[in-house]
Amino acid sequence: LDSYHLKERLVENEDFMLVPAEAWHKLLLWYGMTDGQPALERKVVDLPSTLKVEVYPVEIFLCLHSNMENVISAQFSRTDSICE
């Protein structure tokens, strides 16, 4: 499964624009998505005194020391728990 990543250091309102979920769903209805492309959904995290969209989730790379070529990556929100 290919992984889709955003370019680094994107600037909100210059390189991209955040839209409410309802607007996003309307855009998908009108324009659709490329076959096989996953949605680039992001979570809103509750930081002290503000809500912020987590554009770049934490990415963890895992591999066995005996097989460093076979790397598995996973992305997590800073608000995810071990149960998720």
N, C-alpha and C. Protein backbone atom coordinates (compact mmCIF):
# COMPACT_ATOMS: atom_id res chain seq x y z
N LEU A 1 0.85 -1.19 0.00
CA LEU A 1 0.00 0.00 0.00
C LEU A 1 0.89 1.23 0.00
N ASP A 2 0.72 2.08 -0.99
CA ASP A 2 1.49 3.30 -1.07
C ASP A 2 1.02 4.28 -0.01
N SER A 3 1.94 5.09 0.46
CA SER A 3 1.63 6.09 1.47
C SER A 3 1.60 7.46 0.81
N TYR A 4 0.63 8.27 1.16
CA TYR A 4 0.53 9.62 0.63
C TYR A 4 0.98 10.59 1.70
N HIS A 5 1.93 11.44 1.38
CA HIS A 5 2.45 12.42 2.33
C HIS A 5 2.30 13.83 1.76
N LEU A 6 2.05 14.77 2.63
CA LEU A 6 2.03 16.16 2.22
C LEU A 6 3.46 16.66 2.11
N LYS A 7 3.69 17.63 1.25
CA LYS A 7 5.01 18.26 1.20
C LYS A 7 5.30 18.89 2.55
N GLU A 8 6.57 18.99 2.88
CA GLU A 8 6.96 19.60 4.15
C GLU A 8 6.80 21.12 4.11
N ARG A 9 6.55 21.70 5.26
CA ARG A 9 6.48 23.15 5.47
C ARG A 9 5.42 23.86 4.61
N LEU A 10 4.27 23.21 4.44
CA LEU A 10 3.18 23.88 3.74
C LEU A 10 2.61 24.98 4.64
N VAL A 11 2.17 26.07 4.03
CA VAL A 11 1.66 27.22 4.78
C VAL A 11 0.15 27.32 4.57
N GLU A 12 -0.59 27.31 5.69
CA GLU A 12 -2.04 27.42 5.61
C GLU A 12 -2.45 28.73 4.95
N ASN A 13 -3.48 28.67 4.11
CA ASN A 13 -4.02 29.80 3.34
C ASN A 13 -3.09 30.30 2.24
N GLU A 14 -1.93 29.69 2.12
CA GLU A 14 -1.04 30.00 1.00
C GLU A 14 -0.91 28.77 0.11
N ASP A 15 -0.62 27.61 0.73
CA ASP A 15 -0.48 26.35 -0.01
C ASP A 15 -1.74 25.49 0.06
N PHE A 16 -2.53 25.66 1.09
CA PHE A 16 -3.75 24.88 1.26
C PHE A 16 -4.74 25.69 2.09
N MET A 17 -5.99 25.22 2.08
CA MET A 17 -7.03 25.88 2.85
C MET A 17 -7.83 24.82 3.59
N LEU A 18 -8.06 25.04 4.86
CA LEU A 18 -8.87 24.13 5.65
C LEU A 18 -10.34 24.43 5.39
N VAL A 19 -11.15 23.37 5.24
CA VAL A 19 -12.58 23.55 5.02
C VAL A 19 -13.33 22.66 6.00
N PRO A 20 -14.55 23.05 6.37
CA PRO A 20 -15.36 22.20 7.24
C PRO A 20 -15.68 20.87 6.54
N ALA A 21 -15.96 19.84 7.32
CA ALA A 21 -16.24 18.51 6.77
C ALA A 21 -17.37 18.56 5.75
N GLU A 22 -18.41 19.34 6.00
CA GLU A 22 -19.54 19.42 5.07
C GLU A 22 -19.09 19.95 3.70
N ALA A 23 -18.24 20.97 3.70
CA ALA A 23 -17.71 21.52 2.44
C ALA A 23 -16.85 20.48 1.73
N TRP A 24 -16.04 19.75 2.49
CA TRP A 24 -15.17 18.71 1.90
C TRP A 24 -16.01 17.65 1.20
N HIS A 25 -17.10 17.22 1.85
CA HIS A 25 -17.95 16.19 1.26
C HIS A 25 -18.62 16.69 -0.02
N LYS A 26 -19.01 17.96 -0.05
CA LYS A 26 -19.58 18.54 -1.27
C LYS A 26 -18.54 18.57 -2.40
N LEU A 27 -17.30 18.96 -2.08
CA LEU A 27 -16.23 18.96 -3.08
C LEU A 27 -16.00 17.56 -3.65
N LEU A 28 -16.04 16.54 -2.77
CA LEU A 28 -15.88 15.16 -3.24
C LEU A 28 -17.01 14.75 -4.16
N LEU A 29 -18.24 15.15 -3.83
CA LEU A 29 -19.38 14.84 -4.69
C LEU A 29 -19.23 15.48 -6.06
N TRP A 30 -18.80 16.73 -6.10
CA TRP A 30 -18.68 17.46 -7.36
C TRP A 30 -17.51 16.99 -8.21
N TYR A 31 -16.34 16.80 -7.58
CA TYR A 31 -15.12 16.54 -8.35
C TYR A 31 -14.60 15.11 -8.25
N GLY A 32 -15.00 14.38 -7.20
CA GLY A 32 -14.52 13.02 -7.01
C GLY A 32 -13.07 12.98 -6.54
N MET A 33 -12.51 11.77 -6.55
CA MET A 33 -11.12 11.57 -6.11
C MET A 33 -10.46 10.61 -7.10
N THR A 34 -9.15 10.68 -7.21
CA THR A 34 -8.39 9.77 -8.05
C THR A 34 -8.53 8.36 -7.51
N ASP A 35 -8.68 7.36 -8.39
CA ASP A 35 -8.80 5.96 -7.95
C ASP A 35 -7.62 5.56 -7.08
N GLY A 36 -7.91 4.95 -5.96
CA GLY A 36 -6.88 4.46 -5.06
C GLY A 36 -6.30 5.51 -4.14
N GLN A 37 -6.69 6.75 -4.29
CA GLN A 37 -6.15 7.82 -3.44
C GLN A 37 -6.93 7.87 -2.13
N PRO A 38 -6.24 7.78 -1.00
CA PRO A 38 -6.96 7.89 0.28
C PRO A 38 -7.28 9.35 0.57
N ALA A 39 -8.33 9.58 1.35
CA ALA A 39 -8.65 10.93 1.79
C ALA A 39 -7.57 11.41 2.76
N LEU A 40 -7.19 12.67 2.65
CA LEU A 40 -6.19 13.24 3.54
C LEU A 40 -6.89 13.93 4.71
N GLU A 41 -7.59 13.13 5.51
CA GLU A 41 -8.32 13.68 6.66
C GLU A 41 -7.35 14.02 7.78
N ARG A 42 -7.67 15.06 8.50
CA ARG A 42 -6.85 15.49 9.63
C ARG A 42 -7.73 15.72 10.84
N LYS A 43 -7.17 15.54 12.03
CA LYS A 43 -7.91 15.74 13.27
C LYS A 43 -7.72 17.15 13.80
N VAL A 44 -8.73 17.60 14.54
CA VAL A 44 -8.61 18.85 15.28
C VAL A 44 -8.18 18.45 16.69
N VAL A 45 -7.08 19.03 17.15
CA VAL A 45 -6.58 18.72 18.49
C VAL A 45 -6.82 19.91 19.41
N ASP A 46 -7.13 19.59 20.65
CA ASP A 46 -7.43 20.60 21.66
C ASP A 46 -6.15 20.92 22.41
N LEU A 47 -5.52 22.03 22.03
CA LEU A 47 -4.30 22.49 22.70
C LEU A 47 -4.70 23.51 23.76
N PRO A 48 -3.82 23.81 24.71
CA PRO A 48 -4.17 24.81 25.72
C PRO A 48 -4.61 26.12 25.06
N SER A 49 -5.82 26.52 25.34
CA SER A 49 -6.43 27.78 24.90
C SER A 49 -6.72 27.89 23.40
N THR A 50 -6.59 26.80 22.63
CA THR A 50 -6.89 26.88 21.20
C THR A 50 -7.19 25.49 20.62
N LEU A 51 -7.93 25.48 19.53
CA LEU A 51 -8.13 24.27 18.74
C LEU A 51 -7.29 24.41 17.48
N LYS A 52 -6.62 23.34 17.07
CA LYS A 52 -5.73 23.42 15.91
C LYS A 52 -5.87 22.15 15.08
N VAL A 53 -5.85 22.32 13.76
CA VAL A 53 -5.87 21.17 12.87
C VAL A 53 -4.45 20.61 12.80
N GLU A 54 -4.34 19.31 13.01
CA GLU A 54 -3.04 18.64 13.01
C GLU A 54 -2.70 18.26 11.56
N VAL A 55 -2.06 19.18 10.84
CA VAL A 55 -1.76 18.98 9.42
C VAL A 55 -0.73 17.86 9.25
N TYR A 56 0.28 17.81 10.11
CA TYR A 56 1.32 16.79 10.02
C TYR A 56 1.25 15.86 11.24
N PRO A 57 0.60 14.69 11.10
CA PRO A 57 0.57 13.75 12.22
C PRO A 57 1.97 13.22 12.53
N VAL A 58 2.13 12.64 13.70
CA VAL A 58 3.40 12.01 14.09
C VAL A 58 3.55 10.75 13.26
N GLU A 59 4.73 10.56 12.67
CA GLU A 59 4.98 9.35 11.88
C GLU A 59 6.06 8.53 12.55
N ILE A 60 5.78 7.24 12.71
CA ILE A 60 6.72 6.32 13.36
C ILE A 60 7.15 5.28 12.33
N PHE A 61 8.45 4.99 12.29
CA PHE A 61 9.00 3.99 11.39
C PHE A 61 9.46 2.80 12.23
N LEU A 62 9.02 1.60 11.86
CA LEU A 62 9.36 0.38 12.60
C LEU A 62 10.03 -0.63 11.68
N CYS A 63 11.05 -1.30 12.22
CA CYS A 63 11.68 -2.40 11.49
C CYS A 63 12.43 -3.27 12.49
N LEU A 64 12.73 -4.47 12.08
CA LEU A 64 13.55 -5.36 12.89
C LEU A 64 15.02 -5.05 12.64
N HIS A 65 15.82 -5.13 13.69
CA HIS A 65 17.25 -4.87 13.55
C HIS A 65 17.88 -5.85 12.54
N SER A 66 17.32 -7.06 12.48
CA SER A 66 17.87 -8.07 11.56
C SER A 66 17.41 -7.86 10.12
N ASN A 67 16.44 -6.96 9.90
CA ASN A 67 15.93 -6.70 8.55
C ASN A 67 15.60 -5.22 8.42
N MET A 68 16.62 -4.39 8.34
CA MET A 68 16.44 -2.94 8.33
C MET A 68 15.89 -2.42 6.99
N GLU A 69 15.83 -3.28 5.98
CA GLU A 69 15.30 -2.87 4.68
C GLU A 69 13.77 -2.89 4.66
N ASN A 70 13.16 -3.70 5.50
CA ASN A 70 11.71 -3.85 5.54
C ASN A 70 11.14 -2.90 6.61
N VAL A 71 10.85 -1.66 6.22
CA VAL A 71 10.39 -0.65 7.15
C VAL A 71 8.88 -0.46 7.00
N ILE A 72 8.21 -0.42 8.11
CA ILE A 72 6.77 -0.15 8.14
C ILE A 72 6.59 1.19 8.82
N SER A 73 5.76 2.05 8.22
CA SER A 73 5.51 3.34 8.84
C SER A 73 4.03 3.45 9.21
N ALA A 74 3.76 4.23 10.24
CA ALA A 74 2.38 4.47 10.68
C ALA A 74 2.29 5.91 11.16
N GLN A 75 1.13 6.53 10.91
CA GLN A 75 0.91 7.90 11.35
C GLN A 75 -0.12 7.91 12.46
N PHE A 76 0.12 8.76 13.47
CA PHE A 76 -0.75 8.87 14.61
C PHE A 76 -0.96 10.33 14.95
N SER A 77 -2.12 10.62 15.48
CA SER A 77 -2.38 11.95 16.01
C SER A 77 -1.74 12.06 17.39
N ARG A 78 -1.38 13.25 17.78
CA ARG A 78 -0.85 13.47 19.13
C ARG A 78 -1.89 13.18 20.20
N THR A 79 -3.16 13.12 19.78
CA THR A 79 -4.23 12.87 20.74
C THR A 79 -4.67 11.41 20.77
N ASP A 80 -4.14 10.56 19.89
CA ASP A 80 -4.51 9.14 19.88
C ASP A 80 -4.07 8.47 21.16
N SER A 81 -4.84 7.49 21.57
CA SER A 81 -4.45 6.68 22.71
C SER A 81 -3.93 5.35 22.21
N ILE A 82 -3.36 4.56 23.08
CA ILE A 82 -2.79 3.26 22.70
C ILE A 82 -3.92 2.33 22.22
N CYS A 83 -5.14 2.57 22.65
CA CYS A 83 -6.29 1.73 22.23
C CYS A 83 -6.69 1.99 20.79
N GLU A 84 -6.37 3.15 20.25
CA GLU A 84 -6.75 3.48 18.88
C GLU A 84 -5.74 2.90 17.94
